[in-house]
Amino acid sequence: LAAGVLGALPAEVAARTRAYAVEIAGRPDGLDERIEWRSEPPEGVTGLLFANEWLDNVPVDVAEVDAAGVPRRVLVRRDGAERLGEP
């Protein structure tokens, strides 16, 4: 998204625009080099703050109905494997 916004800016605006991605996860391969990847927001930012995909990073309980129609919490092991918990 940020690369698309940068690409759509008029040249004179793009020349003075800095894009920062703030995320604790590692920088994705192939991310546009114009986007600076940081684990914390830079100080003294003037301009636009755009928060995208925030809710997908908020922890929530996930439930699934088992074969008997009973709702159960989905439990996830450290290795990513899922199993159904108690009703």
PDB file of N, CA and C in Angstrom:
ATOM      1  N   LEU A   1       0.821  -1.190   0.000  1.00  0.00           N
ATOM      2  CA  LEU A   1       0.000   0.000   0.000  1.00  0.00           C
ATOM      3  C   LEU A   1       0.867   1.257   0.000  1.00  0.00           C
ATOM      4  N   ALA A   2       1.873   1.291   0.861  1.00  0.00           N
ATOM      5  CA  ALA A   2       2.743   2.467   0.944  1.00  0.00           C
ATOM      6  C   ALA A   2       3.469   2.704  -0.374  1.00  0.00           C
ATOM      7  N   ALA A   3       3.922   1.645  -1.015  1.00  0.00           N
ATOM      8  CA  ALA A   3       4.604   1.791  -2.305  1.00  0.00           C
ATOM      9  C   ALA A   3       3.650   2.355  -3.351  1.00  0.00           C
ATOM     10  N   GLY A   4       2.399   1.933  -3.322  1.00  0.00           N
ATOM     11  CA  GLY A   4       1.400   2.461  -4.248  1.00  0.00           C
ATOM     12  C   GLY A   4       1.140   3.936  -4.021  1.00  0.00           C
ATOM     13  N   VAL A   5       1.073   4.339  -2.758  1.00  0.00           N
ATOM     14  CA  VAL A   5       0.875   5.757  -2.433  1.00  0.00           C
ATOM     15  C   VAL A   5       2.068   6.567  -2.912  1.00  0.00           C
ATOM     16  N   LEU A   6       3.275   6.087  -2.628  1.00  0.00           N
ATOM     17  CA  LEU A   6       4.473   6.803  -3.083  1.00  0.00           C
ATOM     18  C   LEU A   6       4.493   6.928  -4.599  1.00  0.00           C
ATOM     19  N   GLY A   7       4.114   5.874  -5.286  1.00  0.00           N
ATOM     20  CA  GLY A   7       4.108   5.892  -6.741  1.00  0.00           C
ATOM     21  C   GLY A   7       3.071   6.823  -7.331  1.00  0.00           C
ATOM     22  N   ALA A   8       2.010   7.100  -6.590  1.00  0.00           N
ATOM     23  CA  ALA A   8       0.942   7.967  -7.086  1.00  0.00           C
ATOM     24  C   ALA A   8       1.193   9.449  -6.814  1.00  0.00           C
ATOM     25  N   LEU A   9       2.182   9.750  -6.002  1.00  0.00           N
ATOM     26  CA  LEU A   9       2.451  11.152  -5.661  1.00  0.00           C
ATOM     27  C   LEU A   9       3.076  11.899  -6.826  1.00  0.00           C
ATOM     28  N   PRO A  10       2.740  13.178  -6.979  1.00  0.00           N
ATOM     29  CA  PRO A  10       3.462  13.997  -7.955  1.00  0.00           C
ATOM     30  C   PRO A  10       4.950  14.026  -7.591  1.00  0.00           C
ATOM     31  N   ALA A  11       5.800  14.121  -8.579  1.00  0.00           N
ATOM     32  CA  ALA A  11       7.253  14.046  -8.369  1.00  0.00           C
ATOM     33  C   ALA A  11       7.749  15.024  -7.313  1.00  0.00           C
ATOM     34  N   GLU A  12       7.231  16.253  -7.310  1.00  0.00           N
ATOM     35  CA  GLU A  12       7.708  17.254  -6.346  1.00  0.00           C
ATOM     36  C   GLU A  12       7.296  16.902  -4.913  1.00  0.00           C
ATOM     37  N   VAL A  13       6.190  16.212  -4.749  1.00  0.00           N
ATOM     38  CA  VAL A  13       5.767  15.774  -3.415  1.00  0.00           C
ATOM     39  C   VAL A  13       6.549  14.519  -3.012  1.00  0.00           C
ATOM     40  N   ALA A  14       6.693  13.584  -3.925  1.00  0.00           N
ATOM     41  CA  ALA A  14       7.429  12.348  -3.643  1.00  0.00           C
ATOM     42  C   ALA A  14       8.869  12.639  -3.225  1.00  0.00           C
ATOM     43  N   ALA A  15       9.468  13.678  -3.783  1.00  0.00           N
ATOM     44  CA  ALA A  15      10.858  14.018  -3.477  1.00  0.00           C
ATOM     45  C   ALA A  15      11.048  14.416  -2.017  1.00  0.00           C
ATOM     46  N   ARG A  16      10.004  14.907  -1.380  1.00  0.00           N
ATOM     47  CA  ARG A  16      10.130  15.329   0.019  1.00  0.00           C
ATOM     48  C   ARG A  16       9.319  14.450   0.982  1.00  0.00           C
ATOM     49  N   THR A  17       8.909  13.292   0.504  1.00  0.00           N
ATOM     50  CA  THR A  17       8.105  12.372   1.307  1.00  0.00           C
ATOM     51  C   THR A  17       8.952  11.198   1.785  1.00  0.00           C
ATOM     52  N   ARG A  18       8.793  10.841   3.050  1.00  0.00           N
ATOM     53  CA  ARG A  18       9.470   9.682   3.613  1.00  0.00           C
ATOM     54  C   ARG A  18       8.401   8.724   4.114  1.00  0.00           C
ATOM     55  N   ALA A  19       8.525   7.466   3.781  1.00  0.00           N
ATOM     56  CA  ALA A  19       7.570   6.455   4.238  1.00  0.00           C
ATOM     57  C   ALA A  19       8.252   5.548   5.251  1.00  0.00           C
ATOM     58  N   TYR A  20       7.596   5.347   6.373  1.00  0.00           N
ATOM     59  CA  TYR A  20       8.099   4.473   7.421  1.00  0.00           C
ATOM     60  C   TYR A  20       7.075   3.376   7.673  1.00  0.00           C
ATOM     61  N   ALA A  21       7.524   2.155   7.757  1.00  0.00           N
ATOM     62  CA  ALA A  21       6.677   1.048   8.187  1.00  0.00           C
ATOM     63  C   ALA A  21       7.125   0.688   9.594  1.00  0.00           C
ATOM     64  N   VAL A  22       6.211   0.731  10.538  1.00  0.00           N
ATOM     65  CA  VAL A  22       6.536   0.433  11.932  1.00  0.00           C
ATOM     66  C   VAL A  22       5.931  -0.921  12.274  1.00  0.00           C
ATOM     67  N   GLU A  23       6.807  -1.879  12.525  1.00  0.00           N
ATOM     68  CA  GLU A  23       6.377  -3.268  12.739  1.00  0.00           C
ATOM     69  C   GLU A  23       7.499  -4.009  13.448  1.00  0.00           C
ATOM     70  N   ILE A  24       7.155  -4.825  14.430  1.00  0.00           N
ATOM     71  CA  ILE A  24       8.204  -5.565  15.145  1.00  0.00           C
ATOM     72  C   ILE A  24       8.671  -6.792  14.371  1.00  0.00           C
ATOM     73  N   ALA A  25       7.874  -7.262  13.430  1.00  0.00           N
ATOM     74  CA  ALA A  25       8.288  -8.396  12.595  1.00  0.00           C
ATOM     75  C   ALA A  25       9.384  -7.942  11.631  1.00  0.00           C
ATOM     76  N   GLY A  26      10.106  -8.882  11.081  1.00  0.00           N
ATOM     77  CA  GLY A  26      11.179  -8.569  10.144  1.00  0.00           C
ATOM     78  C   GLY A  26      10.673  -7.950   8.845  1.00  0.00           C
ATOM     79  N   ARG A  27      11.540  -7.221   8.185  1.00  0.00           N
ATOM     80  CA  ARG A  27      11.209  -6.575   6.916  1.00  0.00           C
ATOM     81  C   ARG A  27      10.910  -7.641   5.859  1.00  0.00           C
ATOM     82  N   PRO A  28       9.804  -7.506   5.148  1.00  0.00           N
ATOM     83  CA  PRO A  28       9.480  -8.486   4.098  1.00  0.00           C
ATOM     84  C   PRO A  28      10.446  -8.391   2.919  1.00  0.00           C
ATOM     85  N   ASP A  29      10.776  -9.529   2.344  1.00  0.00           N
ATOM     86  CA  ASP A  29      11.600  -9.548   1.140  1.00  0.00           C
ATOM     87  C   ASP A  29      10.873  -8.805   0.027  1.00  0.00           C
ATOM     88  N   GLY A  30      11.607  -8.035  -0.737  1.00  0.00           N
ATOM     89  CA  GLY A  30      11.040  -7.352  -1.889  1.00  0.00           C
ATOM     90  C   GLY A  30      10.292  -6.072  -1.577  1.00  0.00           C
ATOM     91  N   LEU A  31      10.285  -5.639  -0.311  1.00  0.00           N
ATOM     92  CA  LEU A  31       9.608  -4.388   0.025  1.00  0.00           C
ATOM     93  C   LEU A  31      10.313  -3.224  -0.662  1.00  0.00           C
ATOM     94  N   ASP A  32       9.541  -2.313  -1.189  1.00  0.00           N
ATOM     95  CA  ASP A  32      10.071  -1.131  -1.871  1.00  0.00           C
ATOM     96  C   ASP A  32      11.145  -0.464  -1.007  1.00  0.00           C
ATOM     97  N   GLU A  33      12.290  -0.187  -1.592  1.00  0.00           N
ATOM     98  CA  GLU A  33      13.416   0.388  -0.847  1.00  0.00           C
ATOM     99  C   GLU A  33      13.142   1.792  -0.336  1.00  0.00           C
ATOM    100  N   ARG A  34      12.122   2.451  -0.881  1.00  0.00           N
ATOM    101  CA  ARG A  34      11.768   3.799  -0.402  1.00  0.00           C
ATOM    102  C   ARG A  34      11.093   3.761   0.967  1.00  0.00           C
ATOM    103  N   ILE A  35      10.716   2.575   1.417  1.00  0.00           N
ATOM    104  CA  ILE A  35      10.026   2.439   2.697  1.00  0.00           C
ATOM    105  C   ILE A  35      11.029   2.018   3.761  1.00  0.00           C
ATOM    106  N   GLU A  36      11.196   2.868   4.768  1.00  0.00           N
ATOM    107  CA  GLU A  36      12.108   2.547   5.869  1.00  0.00           C
ATOM    108  C   GLU A  36      11.375   1.671   6.875  1.00  0.00           C
ATOM    109  N   TRP A  37      11.959   0.535   7.226  1.00  0.00           N
ATOM    110  CA  TRP A  37      11.352  -0.435   8.139  1.00  0.00           C
ATOM    111  C   TRP A  37      11.894  -0.193   9.532  1.00  0.00           C
ATOM    112  N   ARG A  38      11.016   0.022  10.505  1.00  0.00           N
ATOM    113  CA  ARG A  38      11.443   0.338  11.872  1.00  0.00           C
ATOM    114  C   ARG A  38      10.610  -0.440  12.883  1.00  0.00           C
ATOM    115  N   SER A  39      11.179  -0.682  14.046  1.00  0.00           N
ATOM    116  CA  SER A  39      10.418  -1.339  15.112  1.00  0.00           C
ATOM    117  C   SER A  39       9.695  -0.325  15.998  1.00  0.00           C
ATOM    118  N   GLU A  40      10.048   0.944  15.885  1.00  0.00           N
ATOM    119  CA  GLU A  40       9.387   2.006  16.643  1.00  0.00           C
ATOM    120  C   GLU A  40       9.182   3.205  15.729  1.00  0.00           C
ATOM    121  N   PRO A  41       8.151   4.010  15.996  1.00  0.00           N
ATOM    122  CA  PRO A  41       7.928   5.191  15.150  1.00  0.00           C
ATOM    123  C   PRO A  41       9.097   6.169  15.260  1.00  0.00           C
ATOM    124  N   PRO A  42       9.399   6.867  14.176  1.00  0.00           N
ATOM    125  CA  PRO A  42      10.444   7.890  14.247  1.00  0.00           C
ATOM    126  C   PRO A  42       9.943   9.081  15.060  1.00  0.00           C
ATOM    127  N   GLU A  43      10.864   9.828  15.627  1.00  0.00           N
ATOM    128  CA  GLU A  43      10.484  11.015  16.391  1.00  0.00           C
ATOM    129  C   GLU A  43      10.237  12.181  15.448  1.00  0.00           C
ATOM    130  N   GLY A  44       9.352  13.061  15.846  1.00  0.00           N
ATOM    131  CA  GLY A  44       9.140  14.308  15.125  1.00  0.00           C
ATOM    132  C   GLY A  44       8.521  14.174  13.752  1.00  0.00           C
ATOM    133  N   VAL A  45       7.624  13.234  13.578  1.00  0.00           N
ATOM    134  CA  VAL A  45       6.983  13.065  12.273  1.00  0.00           C
ATOM    135  C   VAL A  45       5.936  14.148  12.076  1.00  0.00           C
ATOM    136  N   THR A  46       5.970  14.770  10.917  1.00  0.00           N
ATOM    137  CA  THR A  46       4.947  15.721  10.515  1.00  0.00           C
ATOM    138  C   THR A  46       4.278  15.155   9.284  1.00  0.00           C
ATOM    139  N   GLY A  47       2.970  15.024   9.319  1.00  0.00           N
ATOM    140  CA  GLY A  47       2.295  14.519   8.130  1.00  0.00           C
ATOM    141  C   GLY A  47       1.199  13.538   8.445  1.00  0.00           C
ATOM    142  N   LEU A  48       1.102  12.533   7.625  1.00  0.00           N
ATOM    143  CA  LEU A  48       0.006  11.575   7.668  1.00  0.00           C
ATOM    144  C   LEU A  48       0.413  10.295   8.387  1.00  0.00           C
ATOM    145  N   LEU A  49      -0.444   9.848   9.271  1.00  0.00           N
ATOM    146  CA  LEU A  49      -0.263   8.553   9.917  1.00  0.00           C
ATOM    147  C   LEU A  49      -1.361   7.645   9.402  1.00  0.00           C
ATOM    148  N   PHE A  50      -0.975   6.522   8.826  1.00  0.00           N
ATOM    149  CA  PHE A  50      -1.948   5.584   8.267  1.00  0.00           C
ATOM    150  C   PHE A  50      -1.745   4.238   8.935  1.00  0.00           C
ATOM    151  N   ALA A  51      -2.766   3.763   9.638  1.00  0.00           N
ATOM    152  CA  ALA A  51      -2.692   2.457  10.304  1.00  0.00           C
ATOM    153  C   ALA A  51      -3.475   1.455   9.480  1.00  0.00           C
ATOM    154  N   ASN A  52      -2.794   0.457   8.983  1.00  0.00           N
ATOM    155  CA  ASN A  52      -3.418  -0.552   8.130  1.00  0.00           C
ATOM    156  C   ASN A  52      -3.269  -1.924   8.776  1.00  0.00           C
ATOM    157  N   GLU A  53      -4.301  -2.746   8.657  1.00  0.00           N
ATOM    158  CA  GLU A  53      -4.281  -4.121   9.157  1.00  0.00           C
ATOM    159  C   GLU A  53      -4.002  -4.194  10.653  1.00  0.00           C
ATOM    160  N   TRP A  54      -4.516  -3.238  11.401  1.00  0.00           N
ATOM    161  CA  TRP A  54      -4.273  -3.232  12.834  1.00  0.00           C
ATOM    162  C   TRP A  54      -4.999  -4.371  13.523  1.00  0.00           C
ATOM    163  N   LEU A  55      -6.251  -4.581  13.181  1.00  0.00           N
ATOM    164  CA  LEU A  55      -7.047  -5.570  13.901  1.00  0.00           C
ATOM    165  C   LEU A  55      -6.565  -6.995  13.700  1.00  0.00           C
ATOM    166  N   ASP A  56      -5.872  -7.286  12.614  1.00  0.00           N
ATOM    167  CA  ASP A  56      -5.398  -8.661  12.444  1.00  0.00           C
ATOM    168  C   ASP A  56      -4.236  -8.986  13.375  1.00  0.00           C
ATOM    169  N   ASN A  57      -3.728  -7.989  14.079  1.00  0.00           N
ATOM    170  CA  ASN A  57      -2.642  -8.209  15.027  1.00  0.00           C
ATOM    171  C   ASN A  57      -3.108  -8.176  16.479  1.00  0.00           C
ATOM    172  N   VAL A  58      -4.424  -8.030  16.694  1.00  0.00           N
ATOM    173  CA  VAL A  58      -4.970  -8.004  18.042  1.00  0.00           C
ATOM    174  C   VAL A  58      -5.336  -9.434  18.438  1.00  0.00           C
ATOM    175  N   PRO A  59      -4.817  -9.924  19.552  1.00  0.00           N
ATOM    176  CA  PRO A  59      -5.130 -11.301  19.934  1.00  0.00           C
ATOM    177  C   PRO A  59      -6.609 -11.463  20.287  1.00  0.00           C
ATOM    178  N   VAL A  60      -7.217 -12.493  19.767  1.00  0.00           N
ATOM    179  CA  VAL A  60      -8.613 -12.817  20.064  1.00  0.00           C
ATOM    180  C   VAL A  60      -8.736 -14.329  20.226  1.00  0.00           C
ATOM    181  N   ASP A  61      -9.783 -14.747  20.916  1.00  0.00           N
ATOM    182  CA  ASP A  61     -10.073 -16.173  21.002  1.00  0.00           C
ATOM    183  C   ASP A  61     -10.762 -16.605  19.717  1.00  0.00           C
ATOM    184  N   VAL A  62     -10.402 -17.776  19.225  1.00  0.00           N
ATOM    185  CA  VAL A  62     -11.019 -18.339  18.024  1.00  0.00           C
ATOM    186  C   VAL A  62     -11.745 -19.607  18.444  1.00  0.00           C
ATOM    187  N   ALA A  63     -12.986 -19.756  17.969  1.00  0.00           N
ATOM    188  CA  ALA A  63     -13.774 -20.945  18.289  1.00  0.00           C
ATOM    189  C   ALA A  63     -14.126 -21.683  17.010  1.00  0.00           C
ATOM    190  N   GLU A  64     -14.316 -22.975  17.157  1.00  0.00           N
ATOM    191  CA  GLU A  64     -14.717 -23.828  16.037  1.00  0.00           C
ATOM    192  C   GLU A  64     -15.718 -24.846  16.579  1.00  0.00           C
ATOM    193  N   VAL A  65     -16.696 -25.186  15.762  1.00  0.00           N
ATOM    194  CA  VAL A  65     -17.689 -26.179  16.168  1.00  0.00           C
ATOM    195  C   VAL A  65     -17.162 -27.560  15.799  1.00  0.00           C
ATOM    196  N   ASP A  66     -17.196 -28.481  16.776  1.00  0.00           N
ATOM    197  CA  ASP A  66     -16.702 -29.835  16.505  1.00  0.00           C
ATOM    198  C   ASP A  66     -17.764 -30.675  15.792  1.00  0.00           C
ATOM    199  N   ALA A  67     -17.456 -31.936  15.531  1.00  0.00           N
ATOM    200  CA  ALA A  67     -18.354 -32.827  14.784  1.00  0.00           C
ATOM    201  C   ALA A  67     -19.698 -33.024  15.476  1.00  0.00           C
ATOM    202  N   ALA A  68     -19.737 -32.856  16.798  1.00  0.00           N
ATOM    203  CA  ALA A  68     -20.987 -33.016  17.548  1.00  0.00           C
ATOM    204  C   ALA A  68     -21.767 -31.710  17.659  1.00  0.00           C
ATOM    205  N   GLY A  69     -21.247 -30.630  17.046  1.00  0.00           N
ATOM    206  CA  GLY A  69     -21.929 -29.340  17.104  1.00  0.00           C
ATOM    207  C   GLY A  69     -21.619 -28.528  18.342  1.00  0.00           C
ATOM    208  N   VAL A  70     -20.582 -28.915  19.077  1.00  0.00           N
ATOM    209  CA  VAL A  70     -20.201 -28.215  20.305  1.00  0.00           C
ATOM    210  C   VAL A  70     -19.116 -27.184  19.988  1.00  0.00           C
ATOM    211  N   PRO A  71     -19.346 -25.912  20.371  1.00  0.00           N
ATOM    212  CA  PRO A  71     -18.296 -24.912  20.140  1.00  0.00           C
ATOM    213  C   PRO A  71     -17.113 -25.141  21.084  1.00  0.00           C
ATOM    214  N   ARG A  72     -15.918 -25.056  20.535  1.00  0.00           N
ATOM    215  CA  ARG A  72     -14.689 -25.248  21.319  1.00  0.00           C
ATOM    216  C   ARG A  72     -13.673 -24.179  20.927  1.00  0.00           C
ATOM    217  N   ARG A  73     -12.866 -23.793  21.892  1.00  0.00           N
ATOM    218  CA  ARG A  73     -11.767 -22.870  21.597  1.00  0.00           C
ATOM    219  C   ARG A  73     -10.715 -23.587  20.784  1.00  0.00           C
ATOM    220  N   VAL A  74     -10.138 -22.879  19.828  1.00  0.00           N
ATOM    221  CA  VAL A  74      -9.019 -23.421  19.054  1.00  0.00           C
ATOM    222  C   VAL A  74      -7.739 -23.063  19.812  1.00  0.00           C
ATOM    223  N   LEU A  75      -6.965 -24.077  20.154  1.00  0.00           N
ATOM    224  CA  LEU A  75      -5.695 -23.886  20.856  1.00  0.00           C
ATOM    225  C   LEU A  75      -4.560 -24.059  19.854  1.00  0.00           C
ATOM    226  N   VAL A  76      -3.544 -23.225  19.974  1.00  0.00           N
ATOM    227  CA  VAL A  76      -2.423 -23.255  19.032  1.00  0.00           C
ATOM    228  C   VAL A  76      -1.130 -23.483  19.805  1.00  0.00           C
ATOM    229  N   ARG A  77      -0.390 -24.518  19.407  1.00  0.00           N
ATOM    230  CA  ARG A  77       0.907 -24.803  20.030  1.00  0.00           C
ATOM    231  C   ARG A  77       1.951 -23.825  19.499  1.00  0.00           C
ATOM    232  N   ARG A  78       3.091 -23.785  20.147  1.00  0.00           N
ATOM    233  CA  ARG A  78       4.175 -22.889  19.714  1.00  0.00           C
ATOM    234  C   ARG A  78       4.626 -23.170  18.290  1.00  0.00           C
ATOM    235  N   ASP A  79       4.491 -24.418  17.839  1.00  0.00           N
ATOM    236  CA  ASP A  79       4.909 -24.753  16.473  1.00  0.00           C
ATOM    237  C   ASP A  79       3.829 -24.435  15.438  1.00  0.00           C
ATOM    238  N   GLY A  80       2.696 -23.875  15.893  1.00  0.00           N
ATOM    239  CA  GLY A  80       1.628 -23.480  14.982  1.00  0.00           C
ATOM    240  C   GLY A  80       0.536 -24.515  14.794  1.00  0.00           C
ATOM    241  N   ALA A  81       0.730 -25.722  15.312  1.00  0.00           N
ATOM    242  CA  ALA A  81      -0.290 -26.769  15.180  1.00  0.00           C
ATOM    243  C   ALA A  81      -1.514 -26.405  16.023  1.00  0.00           C
ATOM    244  N   GLU A  82      -2.701 -26.631  15.463  1.00  0.00           N
ATOM    245  CA  GLU A  82      -3.945 -26.310  16.152  1.00  0.00           C
ATOM    246  C   GLU A  82      -4.636 -27.571  16.650  1.00  0.00           C
ATOM    247  N   ARG A  83      -5.389 -27.425  17.751  1.00  0.00           N
ATOM    248  CA  ARG A  83      -6.249 -28.500  18.247  1.00  0.00           C
ATOM    249  C   ARG A  83      -7.426 -27.849  18.952  1.00  0.00           C
ATOM    250  N   LEU A  84      -8.508 -28.602  19.064  1.00  0.00           N
ATOM    251  CA  LEU A  84      -9.682 -28.082  19.752  1.00  0.00           C
ATOM    252  C   LEU A  84      -9.546 -28.306  21.247  1.00  0.00           C
ATOM    253  N   GLY A  85      -9.894 -27.271  22.019  1.00  0.00           N
ATOM    254  CA  GLY A  85      -9.861 -27.369  23.468  1.00  0.00           C
ATOM    255  C   GLY A  85     -11.172 -27.912  24.009  1.00  0.00           C
ATOM    256  N   GLU A  86     -11.312 -27.842  25.319  1.00  0.00           N
ATOM    257  CA  GLU A  86     -12.537 -28.307  25.977  1.00  0.00           C
ATOM    258  C   GLU A  86     -13.698 -27.388  25.596  1.00  0.00           C
ATOM    259  N   PRO A  87     -14.947 -27.934  25.714  1.00  0.00           N
ATOM    260  CA  PRO A  87     -16.128 -27.088  25.398  1.00  0.00           C
ATOM    261  C   PRO A  87     -16.247 -25.913  26.350  1.00  0.00           C
TER     262      PRO A  87
END
